[in-house]
Amino acid sequence: MIRKLNTINILSLMILALLALGCTDLEPSITDSVVIETGDGGFQGDPEELLNSVYRGLEDFTAQNNIYSLTEHTTDELIGPTRGTDWGDNGVWRQLHNHQWSPDHQFMLDAWNALHSNVFLANQALASNPDAAQAAQARFLRAFNMFYLVDFFGQVPFREVNEGSEIDPRVLTRVEALNFVITDLEAAIPGLADGGPGTDAGIANKAAAQALLAKVYLNRAVYSVEVTAEGPGAFSFNTQDMDQVIGLVDEITAAGYALEPEYFGNFDSNGSNEIIFATQTDVGSSETRWRMTIHYNQFNPEVEGGGWNGFATLADFYGLFEEDDIRRGGTAENGIGFGFLEGQQFGVDGEVLQDRGGNPLVFTPEVGLAGNNERAGIRVLKYHPSDFLNLVLLRYADAYLMKIEAILRGGAPTGGETAQSMLDNLRNVRGVESIPATLDEILNERGRELYWEGWRRNDQVRFGTFDDPWEGKTNSDAFRLLYPIPQIALDSNPNLEQNPGY
């Protein structure tokens, strides 16, 4: 998604161009902020407008490609099938699904540029004399974007706002960048609003920072291990890190967040006890999530146009769900259903829908990377075209599952809860019976709870399944748990080194 550029001065454009670290095709993310360099090397700008620009950068998380594609298209729960000539796109989706990407893959570059742009915008906000609340939000947003850089690429070039193009950005190692994120979040939490259900989830609050910090500690073992061309060393999950996760989740719970009995209510405009942080962008930032999957001939009268007939889930992933699991959803007899759409699809008046060739529009579990018809693949819908709003970025159920996992990895239980009692409670809310609380089952449960929300790759890397085979994927290169540094960034900054294996 490319935003329009409004009133911005030439100096701001030059500053943002530096952020590409030599990448000449960076799309500026700032829309209406003006930053002027002062004589002492500082910056004078409107901190409120700059902070708003950083929030607008969250739009980079709403598109179906770039950041989202790196979190989901490379996993076992989403596939981008080519249907005739539709969605061929020079193989970009197939390369991601089969783990055959290269440093020249466009989405690697676009994600790299977007995340660095957002980090730099946060730097500008922090350099423009913000008040305590503004500074805390800017630190959180900087940490939020830098977390993805740590997770995706393992090294983070960093440029101060007063450094010119003649200075090659220094490069933070994965551990250094991780510690930078931790420092930012710990500094941000005291200055953030308390938050809680019913507050504006589009404004970063204490719970958002605590949820992200819990995510950092949960993955610290992954980010602390050297990755070679043969893959990573063994992950060693530290008990103290797991206790940090548990304590942070307990603070989120104490703020009033709780599991939402109406599962799909987490993704509409009615409000939910689970939403910790969401995009603050224009209403409809989640529109892409439904358009990218449903068929061209599926639509609601309230919106213009139908779907793009794109992405589907894999039959094996769908098989993780029990029939009574409310998270599975299903096809509706009138209009578009929720969750996993399989079988014959119907219009809003119950009419039997057809594809463009006049065949009954029946979504089938069988789907491959190429050679598909318009009907192949079970479609996935959390955000519905009848009521779509902002995109959820951090949700309480994720934090709840992080606590369960942390207990299983050696953390001390709190509040009279055990991993088993917590898992039983979650599954009872979701309408299914108890299963053993093991790490293997927690990976599956995270898939059932958080499917297509952008966390599957992160989970599969941590659980050691990212290099496993699945439908349409045969490549098992273990080094691919890190993405390659885009070639254009390497060419422009001698302080960068390509990640092993590429």
Protein backbone atom coordinates (compact mmCIF):
# COMPACT_ATOMS: atom_id res chain seq x y z
CA MET A 1 0.00 0.00 0.00
CA ILE A 2 1.54 3.33 -1.06
CA ARG A 3 0.31 6.43 0.66
CA LYS A 4 0.06 9.85 -0.98
CA LEU A 5 2.64 12.46 -0.10
CA ASN A 6 1.12 15.73 1.06
CA THR A 7 3.02 18.70 2.51
CA ILE A 8 6.60 17.71 3.13
CA ASN A 9 9.70 19.79 2.69
CA ILE A 10 12.74 18.90 0.65
CA LEU A 11 14.92 18.26 3.69
CA SER A 12 12.49 15.69 5.03
CA LEU A 13 12.57 13.87 1.73
CA MET A 14 16.35 13.83 1.83
CA ILE A 15 16.35 12.48 5.36
CA LEU A 16 13.92 9.73 4.47
CA ALA A 17 15.92 8.86 1.37
CA LEU A 18 18.88 8.16 3.66
CA LEU A 19 16.83 5.54 5.44
CA ALA A 20 16.86 3.26 2.45
CA LEU A 21 20.55 2.87 3.28
CA GLY A 22 21.25 3.39 -0.38
CA CYS A 23 17.98 1.92 -1.68
CA THR A 24 16.92 4.35 -4.35
CA ASP A 25 13.33 3.14 -4.64
CA LEU A 26 12.19 3.71 -1.07
CA GLU A 27 8.63 4.99 -0.86
CA PRO A 28 8.47 7.75 1.78
CA SER A 29 6.11 6.97 4.65
CA ILE A 30 5.70 10.46 6.02
CA THR A 31 2.60 12.35 4.94
CA ASP A 32 2.35 15.78 6.49
CA SER A 33 5.19 16.41 8.94
CA VAL A 34 7.92 18.98 8.53
CA VAL A 35 11.28 18.54 10.26
CA ILE A 36 13.94 21.25 10.09
CA GLU A 37 17.56 20.71 11.08
CA THR A 38 18.84 23.27 13.58
CA GLY A 39 22.29 24.78 13.77
CA ASP A 40 23.41 22.47 16.60
CA GLY A 41 22.55 19.30 14.68
CA GLY A 42 19.22 18.81 16.45
CA PHE A 43 15.79 18.81 14.89
CA GLN A 44 12.86 21.13 15.31
CA GLY A 45 9.53 19.67 14.36
CA ASP A 46 5.99 19.13 15.54
CA PRO A 47 6.23 16.01 17.72
CA GLU A 48 2.49 15.33 17.49
CA GLU A 49 2.51 15.35 13.70
CA LEU A 50 5.67 13.26 13.63
CA LEU A 51 4.13 10.75 16.01
CA ASN A 52 1.02 10.59 13.83
CA SER A 53 3.30 9.80 10.89
CA VAL A 54 4.77 6.88 12.80
CA TYR A 55 1.28 5.58 13.54
CA ARG A 56 0.39 5.91 9.87
CA GLY A 57 3.37 3.69 9.19
CA LEU A 58 1.33 0.83 10.64
CA GLU A 59 -0.42 0.76 7.26
CA ASP A 60 2.67 -1.14 6.11
CA PHE A 61 1.32 -4.10 8.10
CA THR A 62 -2.07 -4.14 6.37
CA ALA A 63 -1.14 -5.08 2.78
CA GLN A 64 -1.19 -8.70 1.57
CA ASN A 65 2.45 -8.59 0.44
CA ASN A 66 5.71 -7.30 1.97
CA ILE A 67 5.64 -7.62 5.80
CA TYR A 68 2.55 -9.83 5.92
CA SER A 69 3.83 -12.13 3.19
CA LEU A 70 7.04 -12.74 5.16
CA THR A 71 5.04 -13.68 8.26
CA GLU A 72 2.50 -15.99 6.58
CA HIS A 73 3.32 -17.02 3.00
CA THR A 74 6.43 -18.84 4.18
CA THR A 75 4.47 -21.03 6.61
CA ASP A 76 2.26 -24.11 6.67
CA GLU A 77 -1.02 -22.24 7.09
CA LEU A 78 -1.22 -20.12 3.93
CA ILE A 79 -0.61 -20.74 0.24
CA GLY A 80 -0.72 -18.37 -2.72
CA PRO A 81 -1.86 -20.62 -5.56
CA THR A 82 -1.55 -19.63 -9.19
CA ARG A 83 -4.94 -20.02 -10.91
CA GLY A 84 -4.42 -20.04 -14.66
CA THR A 85 -2.70 -16.71 -15.19
CA ASP A 86 -4.12 -15.20 -11.98
CA TRP A 87 -1.67 -14.64 -9.14
CA GLY A 88 1.33 -15.80 -11.17
CA ASP A 89 3.16 -12.53 -10.43
CA ASN A 90 6.47 -13.87 -11.75
CA GLY A 91 6.55 -16.54 -9.07
CA VAL A 92 6.88 -14.26 -6.02
CA TRP A 93 4.28 -16.20 -4.00
CA ARG A 94 5.60 -19.61 -5.04
CA GLN A 95 9.15 -18.66 -4.07
CA LEU A 96 8.00 -17.69 -0.59
CA HIS A 97 5.90 -20.79 -0.05
CA ASN A 98 8.63 -23.20 -1.17
CA HIS A 99 11.44 -21.31 0.60
CA GLN A 100 13.26 -20.46 -2.62
CA TRP A 101 13.55 -16.71 -2.16
CA SER A 102 16.72 -14.79 -2.99
CA PRO A 103 18.18 -11.42 -1.87
CA ASP A 104 16.50 -9.86 -4.92
CA HIS A 105 12.96 -10.82 -3.90
CA GLN A 106 10.88 -7.64 -4.07
CA PHE A 107 8.97 -8.26 -0.85
CA MET A 108 12.22 -8.57 1.12
CA LEU A 109 13.24 -5.13 -0.07
CA ASP A 110 9.82 -3.58 0.46
CA ALA A 111 9.55 -4.96 4.01
CA TRP A 112 13.11 -3.85 4.78
CA ASN A 113 12.41 -0.33 3.54
CA ALA A 114 9.05 0.01 5.28
CA LEU A 115 10.33 -1.14 8.67
CA HIS A 116 13.44 1.03 8.52
CA SER A 117 11.37 4.00 7.41
CA ASN A 118 9.09 3.59 10.43
CA VAL A 119 12.06 3.29 12.78
CA PHE A 120 13.57 6.47 11.35
CA LEU A 121 10.29 8.34 11.66
CA ALA A 122 10.19 7.36 15.33
CA ASN A 123 13.75 8.66 15.69
CA GLN A 124 12.61 11.97 14.24
CA ALA A 125 9.70 12.16 16.68
CA LEU A 126 12.03 11.47 19.60
CA ALA A 127 14.46 14.16 18.37
CA SER A 128 11.77 16.85 18.25
CA ASN A 129 11.23 17.58 21.94
CA PRO A 130 8.14 15.40 22.53
CA ASP A 131 6.36 15.39 25.87
CA ALA A 132 6.57 12.28 28.06
CA ALA A 133 3.51 10.58 26.60
CA GLN A 134 4.56 11.26 23.01
CA ALA A 135 8.08 10.01 23.69
CA ALA A 136 6.75 6.81 25.25
CA GLN A 137 4.54 6.09 22.25
CA ALA A 138 7.38 6.83 19.82
CA ARG A 139 9.67 4.44 21.71
CA PHE A 140 7.04 1.72 21.57
CA LEU A 141 6.48 2.20 17.85
CA ARG A 142 10.21 2.20 17.19
CA ALA A 143 10.52 -1.03 19.17
CA PHE A 144 7.52 -2.55 17.36
CA ASN A 145 9.10 -2.03 13.94
CA MET A 146 12.63 -2.92 15.06
CA PHE A 147 11.31 -6.18 16.54
CA TYR A 148 10.34 -7.28 13.04
CA LEU A 149 13.77 -6.31 11.69
CA VAL A 150 15.38 -8.44 14.43
CA ASP A 151 13.01 -11.29 13.69
CA PHE A 152 13.26 -11.18 9.89
CA PHE A 153 16.82 -10.13 9.13
CA GLY A 154 18.91 -10.54 12.28
CA GLN A 155 20.83 -7.27 11.87
CA VAL A 156 19.65 -3.68 11.92
CA PRO A 157 21.39 -0.68 10.30
CA PHE A 158 20.77 2.39 12.41
CA ARG A 159 21.17 6.04 11.43
CA GLU A 160 20.80 9.00 13.76
CA VAL A 161 18.55 11.76 12.47
CA ASN A 162 21.47 14.20 12.23
CA GLU A 163 23.74 11.90 10.23
CA GLY A 164 24.19 12.71 6.55
CA SER A 165 24.40 10.49 3.51
CA GLU A 166 28.21 10.50 3.70
CA ILE A 167 28.02 8.35 6.86
CA ASP A 168 27.44 4.63 6.40
CA PRO A 169 24.87 3.55 9.00
CA ARG A 170 26.29 1.44 11.81
CA VAL A 171 24.85 -2.05 12.01
CA LEU A 172 23.45 -3.49 15.21
CA THR A 173 23.94 -7.22 15.65
CA ARG A 174 20.88 -9.28 16.43
CA VAL A 175 21.62 -9.26 20.15
CA GLU A 176 22.42 -5.55 20.16
CA ALA A 177 19.20 -4.74 18.32
CA LEU A 178 17.24 -7.01 20.65
CA ASN A 179 18.65 -5.20 23.67
CA PHE A 180 17.78 -1.89 21.99
CA VAL A 181 14.16 -3.07 21.70
CA ILE A 182 14.09 -4.17 25.35
CA THR A 183 15.50 -0.81 26.49
CA ASP A 184 12.94 1.11 24.42
CA LEU A 185 10.02 -0.89 25.79
CA GLU A 186 11.16 -0.69 29.40
CA ALA A 187 11.60 3.07 29.02
CA ALA A 188 8.22 3.42 27.31
CA ILE A 189 6.01 1.52 29.76
CA PRO A 190 5.96 4.11 32.61
CA GLY A 191 4.91 6.89 30.22
CA LEU A 192 2.15 4.97 28.42
CA ALA A 193 -1.53 5.05 29.33
CA ASP A 194 -2.87 2.17 31.39
CA GLY A 195 -5.18 0.89 28.66
CA GLY A 196 -7.68 -1.90 29.07
CA PRO A 197 -10.81 -3.08 27.25
CA GLY A 198 -12.85 -0.20 25.91
CA THR A 199 -9.90 2.16 25.51
CA ASP A 200 -8.61 3.23 22.11
CA ALA A 201 -6.55 0.27 20.91
CA GLY A 202 -5.11 2.45 18.16
CA ILE A 203 -3.00 4.31 20.75
CA ALA A 204 -0.10 2.39 22.27
CA ASN A 205 -0.62 1.69 25.97
CA LYS A 206 1.17 -0.21 28.74
CA ALA A 207 -0.41 -3.52 27.75
CA ALA A 208 0.80 -3.17 24.15
CA ALA A 209 4.37 -2.62 25.32
CA GLN A 210 4.07 -5.46 27.82
CA ALA A 211 2.74 -7.83 25.16
CA LEU A 212 5.55 -6.97 22.78
CA LEU A 213 8.14 -7.25 25.56
CA ALA A 214 6.75 -10.68 26.45
CA LYS A 215 7.13 -11.64 22.79
CA VAL A 216 10.76 -10.49 22.92
CA TYR A 217 11.60 -12.56 25.99
CA LEU A 218 9.78 -15.60 24.63
CA ASN A 219 11.93 -15.46 21.49
CA ARG A 220 15.17 -14.36 23.13
CA ALA A 221 16.64 -17.87 22.87
CA VAL A 222 16.08 -17.76 19.09
CA TYR A 223 17.62 -14.34 18.67
CA SER A 224 20.68 -15.18 20.80
CA VAL A 225 21.88 -18.13 18.69
CA GLU A 226 24.27 -17.78 15.77
CA VAL A 227 22.83 -18.81 12.42
CA THR A 228 25.25 -20.45 9.99
CA ALA A 229 24.79 -21.81 6.48
CA GLU A 230 23.82 -25.11 8.15
CA GLY A 231 21.21 -23.41 10.28
CA PRO A 232 21.04 -22.24 13.91
CA GLY A 233 22.48 -23.80 17.01
CA ALA A 234 20.16 -25.25 19.63
CA PHE A 235 17.77 -22.81 21.33
CA SER A 236 18.23 -22.62 25.10
CA PHE A 237 15.19 -21.08 26.76
CA ASN A 238 16.22 -19.28 29.93
CA THR A 239 14.02 -19.72 33.01
CA GLN A 240 14.41 -16.06 33.91
CA ASP A 241 13.19 -15.05 30.45
CA MET A 242 10.16 -17.30 30.84
CA ASP A 243 9.41 -15.76 34.24
CA GLN A 244 9.54 -12.35 32.56
CA VAL A 245 6.96 -13.51 30.03
CA ILE A 246 4.67 -14.79 32.77
CA GLY A 247 4.96 -11.60 34.83
CA LEU A 248 4.23 -9.37 31.84
CA VAL A 249 1.17 -11.39 30.83
CA ASP A 250 -0.10 -11.23 34.41
CA GLU A 251 0.12 -7.43 34.25
CA ILE A 252 -1.90 -7.45 31.01
CA THR A 253 -4.53 -9.64 32.65
CA ALA A 254 -4.65 -7.32 35.67
CA ALA A 255 -5.48 -4.45 33.29
CA GLY A 256 -8.77 -6.19 32.50
CA TYR A 257 -8.05 -7.95 29.21
CA ALA A 258 -9.74 -11.35 28.92
CA LEU A 259 -10.61 -14.05 26.41
CA GLU A 260 -13.52 -13.05 24.17
CA PRO A 261 -16.28 -15.73 24.03
CA GLU A 262 -17.40 -14.46 20.62
CA TYR A 263 -14.25 -15.42 18.74
CA PHE A 264 -14.97 -13.59 15.48
CA GLY A 265 -16.02 -10.56 17.50
CA ASN A 266 -12.31 -9.89 17.84
CA PHE A 267 -12.27 -8.80 14.21
CA ASP A 268 -15.28 -6.49 13.83
CA SER A 269 -16.35 -3.08 15.08
CA ASN A 270 -18.35 -4.25 18.10
CA GLY A 271 -15.43 -4.12 20.49
CA SER A 272 -13.64 -6.92 22.30
CA ASN A 273 -11.98 -7.61 25.64
CA GLU A 274 -8.98 -9.00 23.76
CA ILE A 275 -7.77 -6.20 21.50
CA ILE A 276 -4.56 -4.75 22.92
CA PHE A 277 -3.18 -2.90 19.89
CA ALA A 278 -4.59 -2.28 16.41
CA THR A 279 -3.92 0.01 13.48
CA GLN A 280 -4.92 3.62 13.98
CA THR A 281 -5.34 4.14 10.26
CA ASP A 282 -8.51 4.88 8.33
CA VAL A 283 -11.51 2.65 8.89
CA GLY A 284 -11.10 -0.35 6.61
CA SER A 285 -7.40 -1.08 7.12
CA SER A 286 -8.34 -4.78 7.36
CA GLU A 287 -10.11 -4.73 3.97
CA THR A 288 -7.23 -6.50 2.25
CA ARG A 289 -7.62 -9.52 4.55
CA TRP A 290 -10.98 -10.47 3.09
CA ARG A 291 -10.41 -9.32 -0.47
CA MET A 292 -7.19 -11.34 -0.82
CA THR A 293 -8.93 -14.68 -0.27
CA ILE A 294 -12.60 -14.79 -1.33
CA HIS A 295 -13.76 -15.24 -4.93
CA TYR A 296 -14.45 -12.44 -7.40
CA ASN A 297 -18.16 -13.25 -7.27
CA GLN A 298 -18.38 -13.11 -3.47
CA PHE A 299 -19.29 -9.73 -2.02
CA ASN A 300 -21.65 -7.94 0.32
CA PRO A 301 -23.98 -5.17 -0.88
CA GLU A 302 -22.39 -2.77 1.63
CA VAL A 303 -19.04 -2.78 -0.16
CA GLU A 304 -17.92 -2.11 -3.71
CA GLY A 305 -16.49 -5.07 -5.62
CA GLY A 306 -15.78 -8.59 -4.57
CA GLY A 307 -12.74 -10.58 -3.63
CA TRP A 308 -9.48 -11.11 -5.49
CA ASN A 309 -9.69 -14.93 -5.45
CA GLY A 310 -6.22 -15.35 -4.05
CA PHE A 311 -4.92 -17.11 -0.99
CA ALA A 312 -6.06 -20.29 0.69
CA THR A 313 -5.06 -22.56 3.55
CA LEU A 314 -3.51 -26.01 3.36
CA ALA A 315 -5.62 -29.10 3.91
CA ASP A 316 -3.28 -30.36 6.64
CA PHE A 317 -3.54 -27.11 8.56
CA TYR A 318 -7.32 -27.19 8.30
CA GLY A 319 -7.11 -30.71 9.68
CA LEU A 320 -5.79 -29.36 12.99
CA PHE A 321 -9.30 -28.17 13.87
CA GLU A 322 -12.01 -30.24 15.51
CA GLU A 323 -15.49 -29.93 14.10
CA ASP A 324 -16.88 -28.20 17.21
CA ASP A 325 -14.10 -25.63 17.42
CA ILE A 326 -15.83 -22.27 17.05
CA ARG A 327 -12.62 -20.83 15.62
CA ARG A 328 -13.08 -23.01 12.54
CA GLY A 329 -16.24 -21.17 11.54
CA GLY A 330 -17.63 -22.31 8.22
CA THR A 331 -19.57 -21.54 5.05
CA ALA A 332 -22.84 -19.65 5.45
CA GLU A 333 -26.04 -20.58 3.61
CA ASN A 334 -26.79 -16.89 3.08
CA GLY A 335 -23.82 -14.73 2.16
CA ILE A 336 -20.23 -15.13 3.23
CA GLY A 337 -19.33 -17.12 6.33
CA PHE A 338 -16.52 -16.71 8.84
CA GLY A 339 -13.37 -18.70 9.37
CA PHE A 340 -12.66 -21.51 6.92
CA LEU A 341 -14.90 -21.45 3.85
CA GLU A 342 -15.23 -24.91 2.28
CA GLY A 343 -17.71 -26.39 -0.17
CA GLN A 344 -20.49 -24.64 -2.06
CA GLN A 345 -20.63 -20.88 -1.56
CA PHE A 346 -23.84 -18.86 -1.51
CA GLY A 347 -24.98 -15.31 -2.21
CA VAL A 348 -26.65 -13.01 0.28
CA ASP A 349 -30.10 -14.29 -0.75
CA GLY A 350 -29.06 -17.93 -0.61
CA GLU A 351 -28.46 -18.28 -4.34
CA VAL A 352 -25.85 -20.83 -5.43
CA LEU A 353 -22.78 -18.95 -6.57
CA GLN A 354 -20.76 -19.84 -9.64
CA ASP A 355 -17.22 -19.11 -10.74
CA ARG A 356 -16.53 -17.03 -13.84
CA GLY A 357 -16.79 -20.11 -16.04
CA GLY A 358 -20.27 -21.01 -14.78
CA ASN A 359 -19.16 -23.87 -12.53
CA PRO A 360 -20.61 -24.14 -9.01
CA LEU A 361 -18.36 -22.16 -6.70
CA VAL A 362 -17.23 -25.04 -4.50
CA PHE A 363 -14.03 -24.47 -2.51
CA THR A 364 -12.06 -27.70 -2.27
CA PRO A 365 -9.30 -28.65 0.22
CA GLU A 366 -6.98 -29.73 -2.61
CA VAL A 367 -4.74 -26.90 -3.76
CA GLY A 368 -1.22 -26.58 -5.13
CA LEU A 369 1.19 -23.86 -6.07
CA ALA A 370 0.28 -23.98 -9.78
CA GLY A 371 -2.31 -25.43 -12.15
CA ASN A 372 -5.34 -24.59 -10.00
CA ASN A 373 -8.84 -23.68 -11.09
CA GLU A 374 -10.75 -20.79 -9.55
CA ARG A 375 -12.28 -23.01 -6.88
CA ALA A 376 -9.21 -24.75 -5.44
CA GLY A 377 -8.38 -24.17 -1.80
CA ILE A 378 -10.29 -23.50 1.41
CA ARG A 379 -10.54 -19.74 1.93
CA VAL A 380 -9.94 -18.06 5.30
CA LEU A 381 -11.94 -15.12 6.59
CA LYS A 382 -11.60 -13.40 9.97
CA TYR A 383 -12.37 -9.85 8.85
CA HIS A 384 -15.75 -9.86 7.13
CA PRO A 385 -16.78 -7.58 4.24
CA SER A 386 -19.97 -6.71 6.12
CA ASP A 387 -18.08 -5.23 9.08
CA PHE A 388 -14.37 -4.65 8.68
CA LEU A 389 -12.44 -2.13 10.69
CA ASN A 390 -8.87 -1.70 11.87
CA LEU A 391 -6.36 -4.52 11.79
CA VAL A 392 -5.54 -6.23 15.10
CA LEU A 393 -1.80 -6.29 15.78
CA LEU A 394 -1.65 -7.58 19.38
CA ARG A 395 -4.36 -9.68 21.00
CA TYR A 396 -4.85 -11.03 24.53
CA ALA A 397 -5.23 -14.67 23.45
CA ASP A 398 -1.70 -14.47 22.04
CA ALA A 399 -0.38 -13.22 25.39
CA TYR A 400 -2.40 -15.90 27.20
CA LEU A 401 -0.82 -18.62 25.06
CA MET A 402 2.62 -17.09 25.57
CA LYS A 403 2.19 -17.58 29.32
CA ILE A 404 1.22 -21.23 28.83
CA GLU A 405 4.27 -21.80 26.65
CA ALA A 406 6.55 -20.00 29.12
CA ILE A 407 5.36 -22.27 31.92
CA LEU A 408 6.05 -25.34 29.78
CA ARG A 409 9.53 -23.98 29.04
CA GLY A 410 10.39 -23.75 32.73
CA GLY A 411 8.75 -20.57 34.01
CA ALA A 412 7.07 -20.56 37.41
CA PRO A 413 3.24 -20.71 37.33
CA THR A 414 1.36 -17.87 39.01
CA GLY A 415 -2.13 -17.19 40.28
CA GLY A 416 -2.84 -20.83 41.06
CA GLU A 417 -2.79 -21.64 37.34
CA THR A 418 -0.96 -24.39 35.51
CA ALA A 419 -0.25 -24.76 31.81
CA GLN A 420 -2.91 -27.46 31.70
CA SER A 421 -5.58 -25.45 33.53
CA MET A 422 -4.97 -22.43 31.31
CA LEU A 423 -5.14 -24.49 28.12
CA ASP A 424 -8.31 -26.19 29.34
CA ASN A 425 -9.86 -22.78 29.99
CA LEU A 426 -8.98 -21.46 26.54
CA ARG A 427 -10.29 -24.53 24.79
CA ASN A 428 -13.47 -24.51 26.85
CA VAL A 429 -14.12 -20.91 25.72
CA ARG A 430 -13.54 -22.07 22.13
CA GLY A 431 -15.97 -24.99 22.46
CA VAL A 432 -13.56 -27.94 22.43
CA GLU A 433 -12.41 -30.52 24.96
CA SER A 434 -9.17 -30.77 26.87
CA ILE A 435 -5.93 -31.93 25.27
CA PRO A 436 -2.54 -32.49 26.96
CA ALA A 437 -0.58 -29.30 27.57
CA THR A 438 2.61 -30.17 25.70
CA LEU A 439 4.82 -27.94 23.61
CA ASP A 440 3.78 -29.73 20.40
CA GLU A 441 0.14 -29.12 21.22
CA ILE A 442 0.80 -25.48 22.10
CA LEU A 443 2.25 -24.90 18.63
CA ASN A 444 -0.92 -26.44 17.17
CA GLU A 445 -3.11 -24.42 19.52
CA ARG A 446 -1.38 -21.20 18.59
CA GLY A 447 -2.14 -22.09 14.99
CA ARG A 448 -5.80 -22.71 15.76
CA GLU A 449 -6.14 -19.49 17.74
CA LEU A 450 -3.98 -17.07 15.74
CA TYR A 451 -4.21 -18.33 12.16
CA TRP A 452 -3.50 -15.70 9.49
CA GLU A 453 -2.78 -13.03 12.14
CA GLY A 454 0.91 -12.81 11.25
CA TRP A 455 2.58 -14.94 13.94
CA ARG A 456 2.92 -18.37 12.33
CA ARG A 457 6.46 -17.94 11.00
CA ASN A 458 7.63 -16.59 14.34
CA ASP A 459 6.08 -19.61 16.08
CA GLN A 460 7.41 -22.19 13.63
CA VAL A 461 10.96 -20.85 13.94
CA ARG A 462 10.78 -20.96 17.74
CA PHE A 463 9.36 -24.50 17.77
CA GLY A 464 11.82 -25.74 15.14
CA THR A 465 9.32 -26.64 12.40
CA PHE A 466 10.00 -23.86 9.91
CA ASP A 467 12.23 -26.07 7.75
CA ASP A 468 9.76 -29.01 7.76
CA PRO A 469 8.12 -30.06 4.48
CA TRP A 470 4.45 -29.34 3.78
CA GLU A 471 2.13 -29.25 0.79
CA GLY A 472 3.91 -27.42 -2.01
CA LYS A 473 7.17 -27.08 -0.04
CA THR A 474 10.17 -29.38 -0.42
CA ASN A 475 13.05 -27.06 0.47
CA SER A 476 14.40 -27.67 3.99
CA ASP A 477 17.25 -25.14 4.21
CA ALA A 478 17.60 -24.44 7.94
CA PHE A 479 19.40 -21.13 7.40
CA ARG A 480 16.21 -19.65 5.96
CA LEU A 481 14.90 -18.86 9.41
CA LEU A 482 16.65 -15.57 8.63
CA TYR A 483 15.70 -13.69 5.50
CA PRO A 484 18.44 -12.34 3.21
CA ILE A 485 19.56 -8.73 3.39
CA PRO A 486 18.25 -7.10 0.18
CA GLN A 487 21.01 -6.88 -2.38
CA ILE A 488 20.53 -3.17 -2.97
CA ALA A 489 21.07 -2.52 0.76
CA LEU A 490 24.28 -4.56 0.72
CA ASP A 491 25.54 -2.64 -2.28
CA SER A 492 25.00 0.69 -0.55
CA ASN A 493 26.27 0.00 3.00
CA PRO A 494 29.64 -1.75 3.46
CA ASN A 495 28.86 -2.30 7.15
CA LEU A 496 26.19 -4.86 6.19
CA GLU A 497 27.02 -8.52 5.58
CA GLN A 498 24.77 -11.00 3.86
CA ASN A 499 23.17 -13.56 6.13
CA PRO A 500 24.68 -17.07 5.92
CA GLY A 501 23.49 -19.37 3.15
CA TYR A 502 22.52 -16.66 0.66
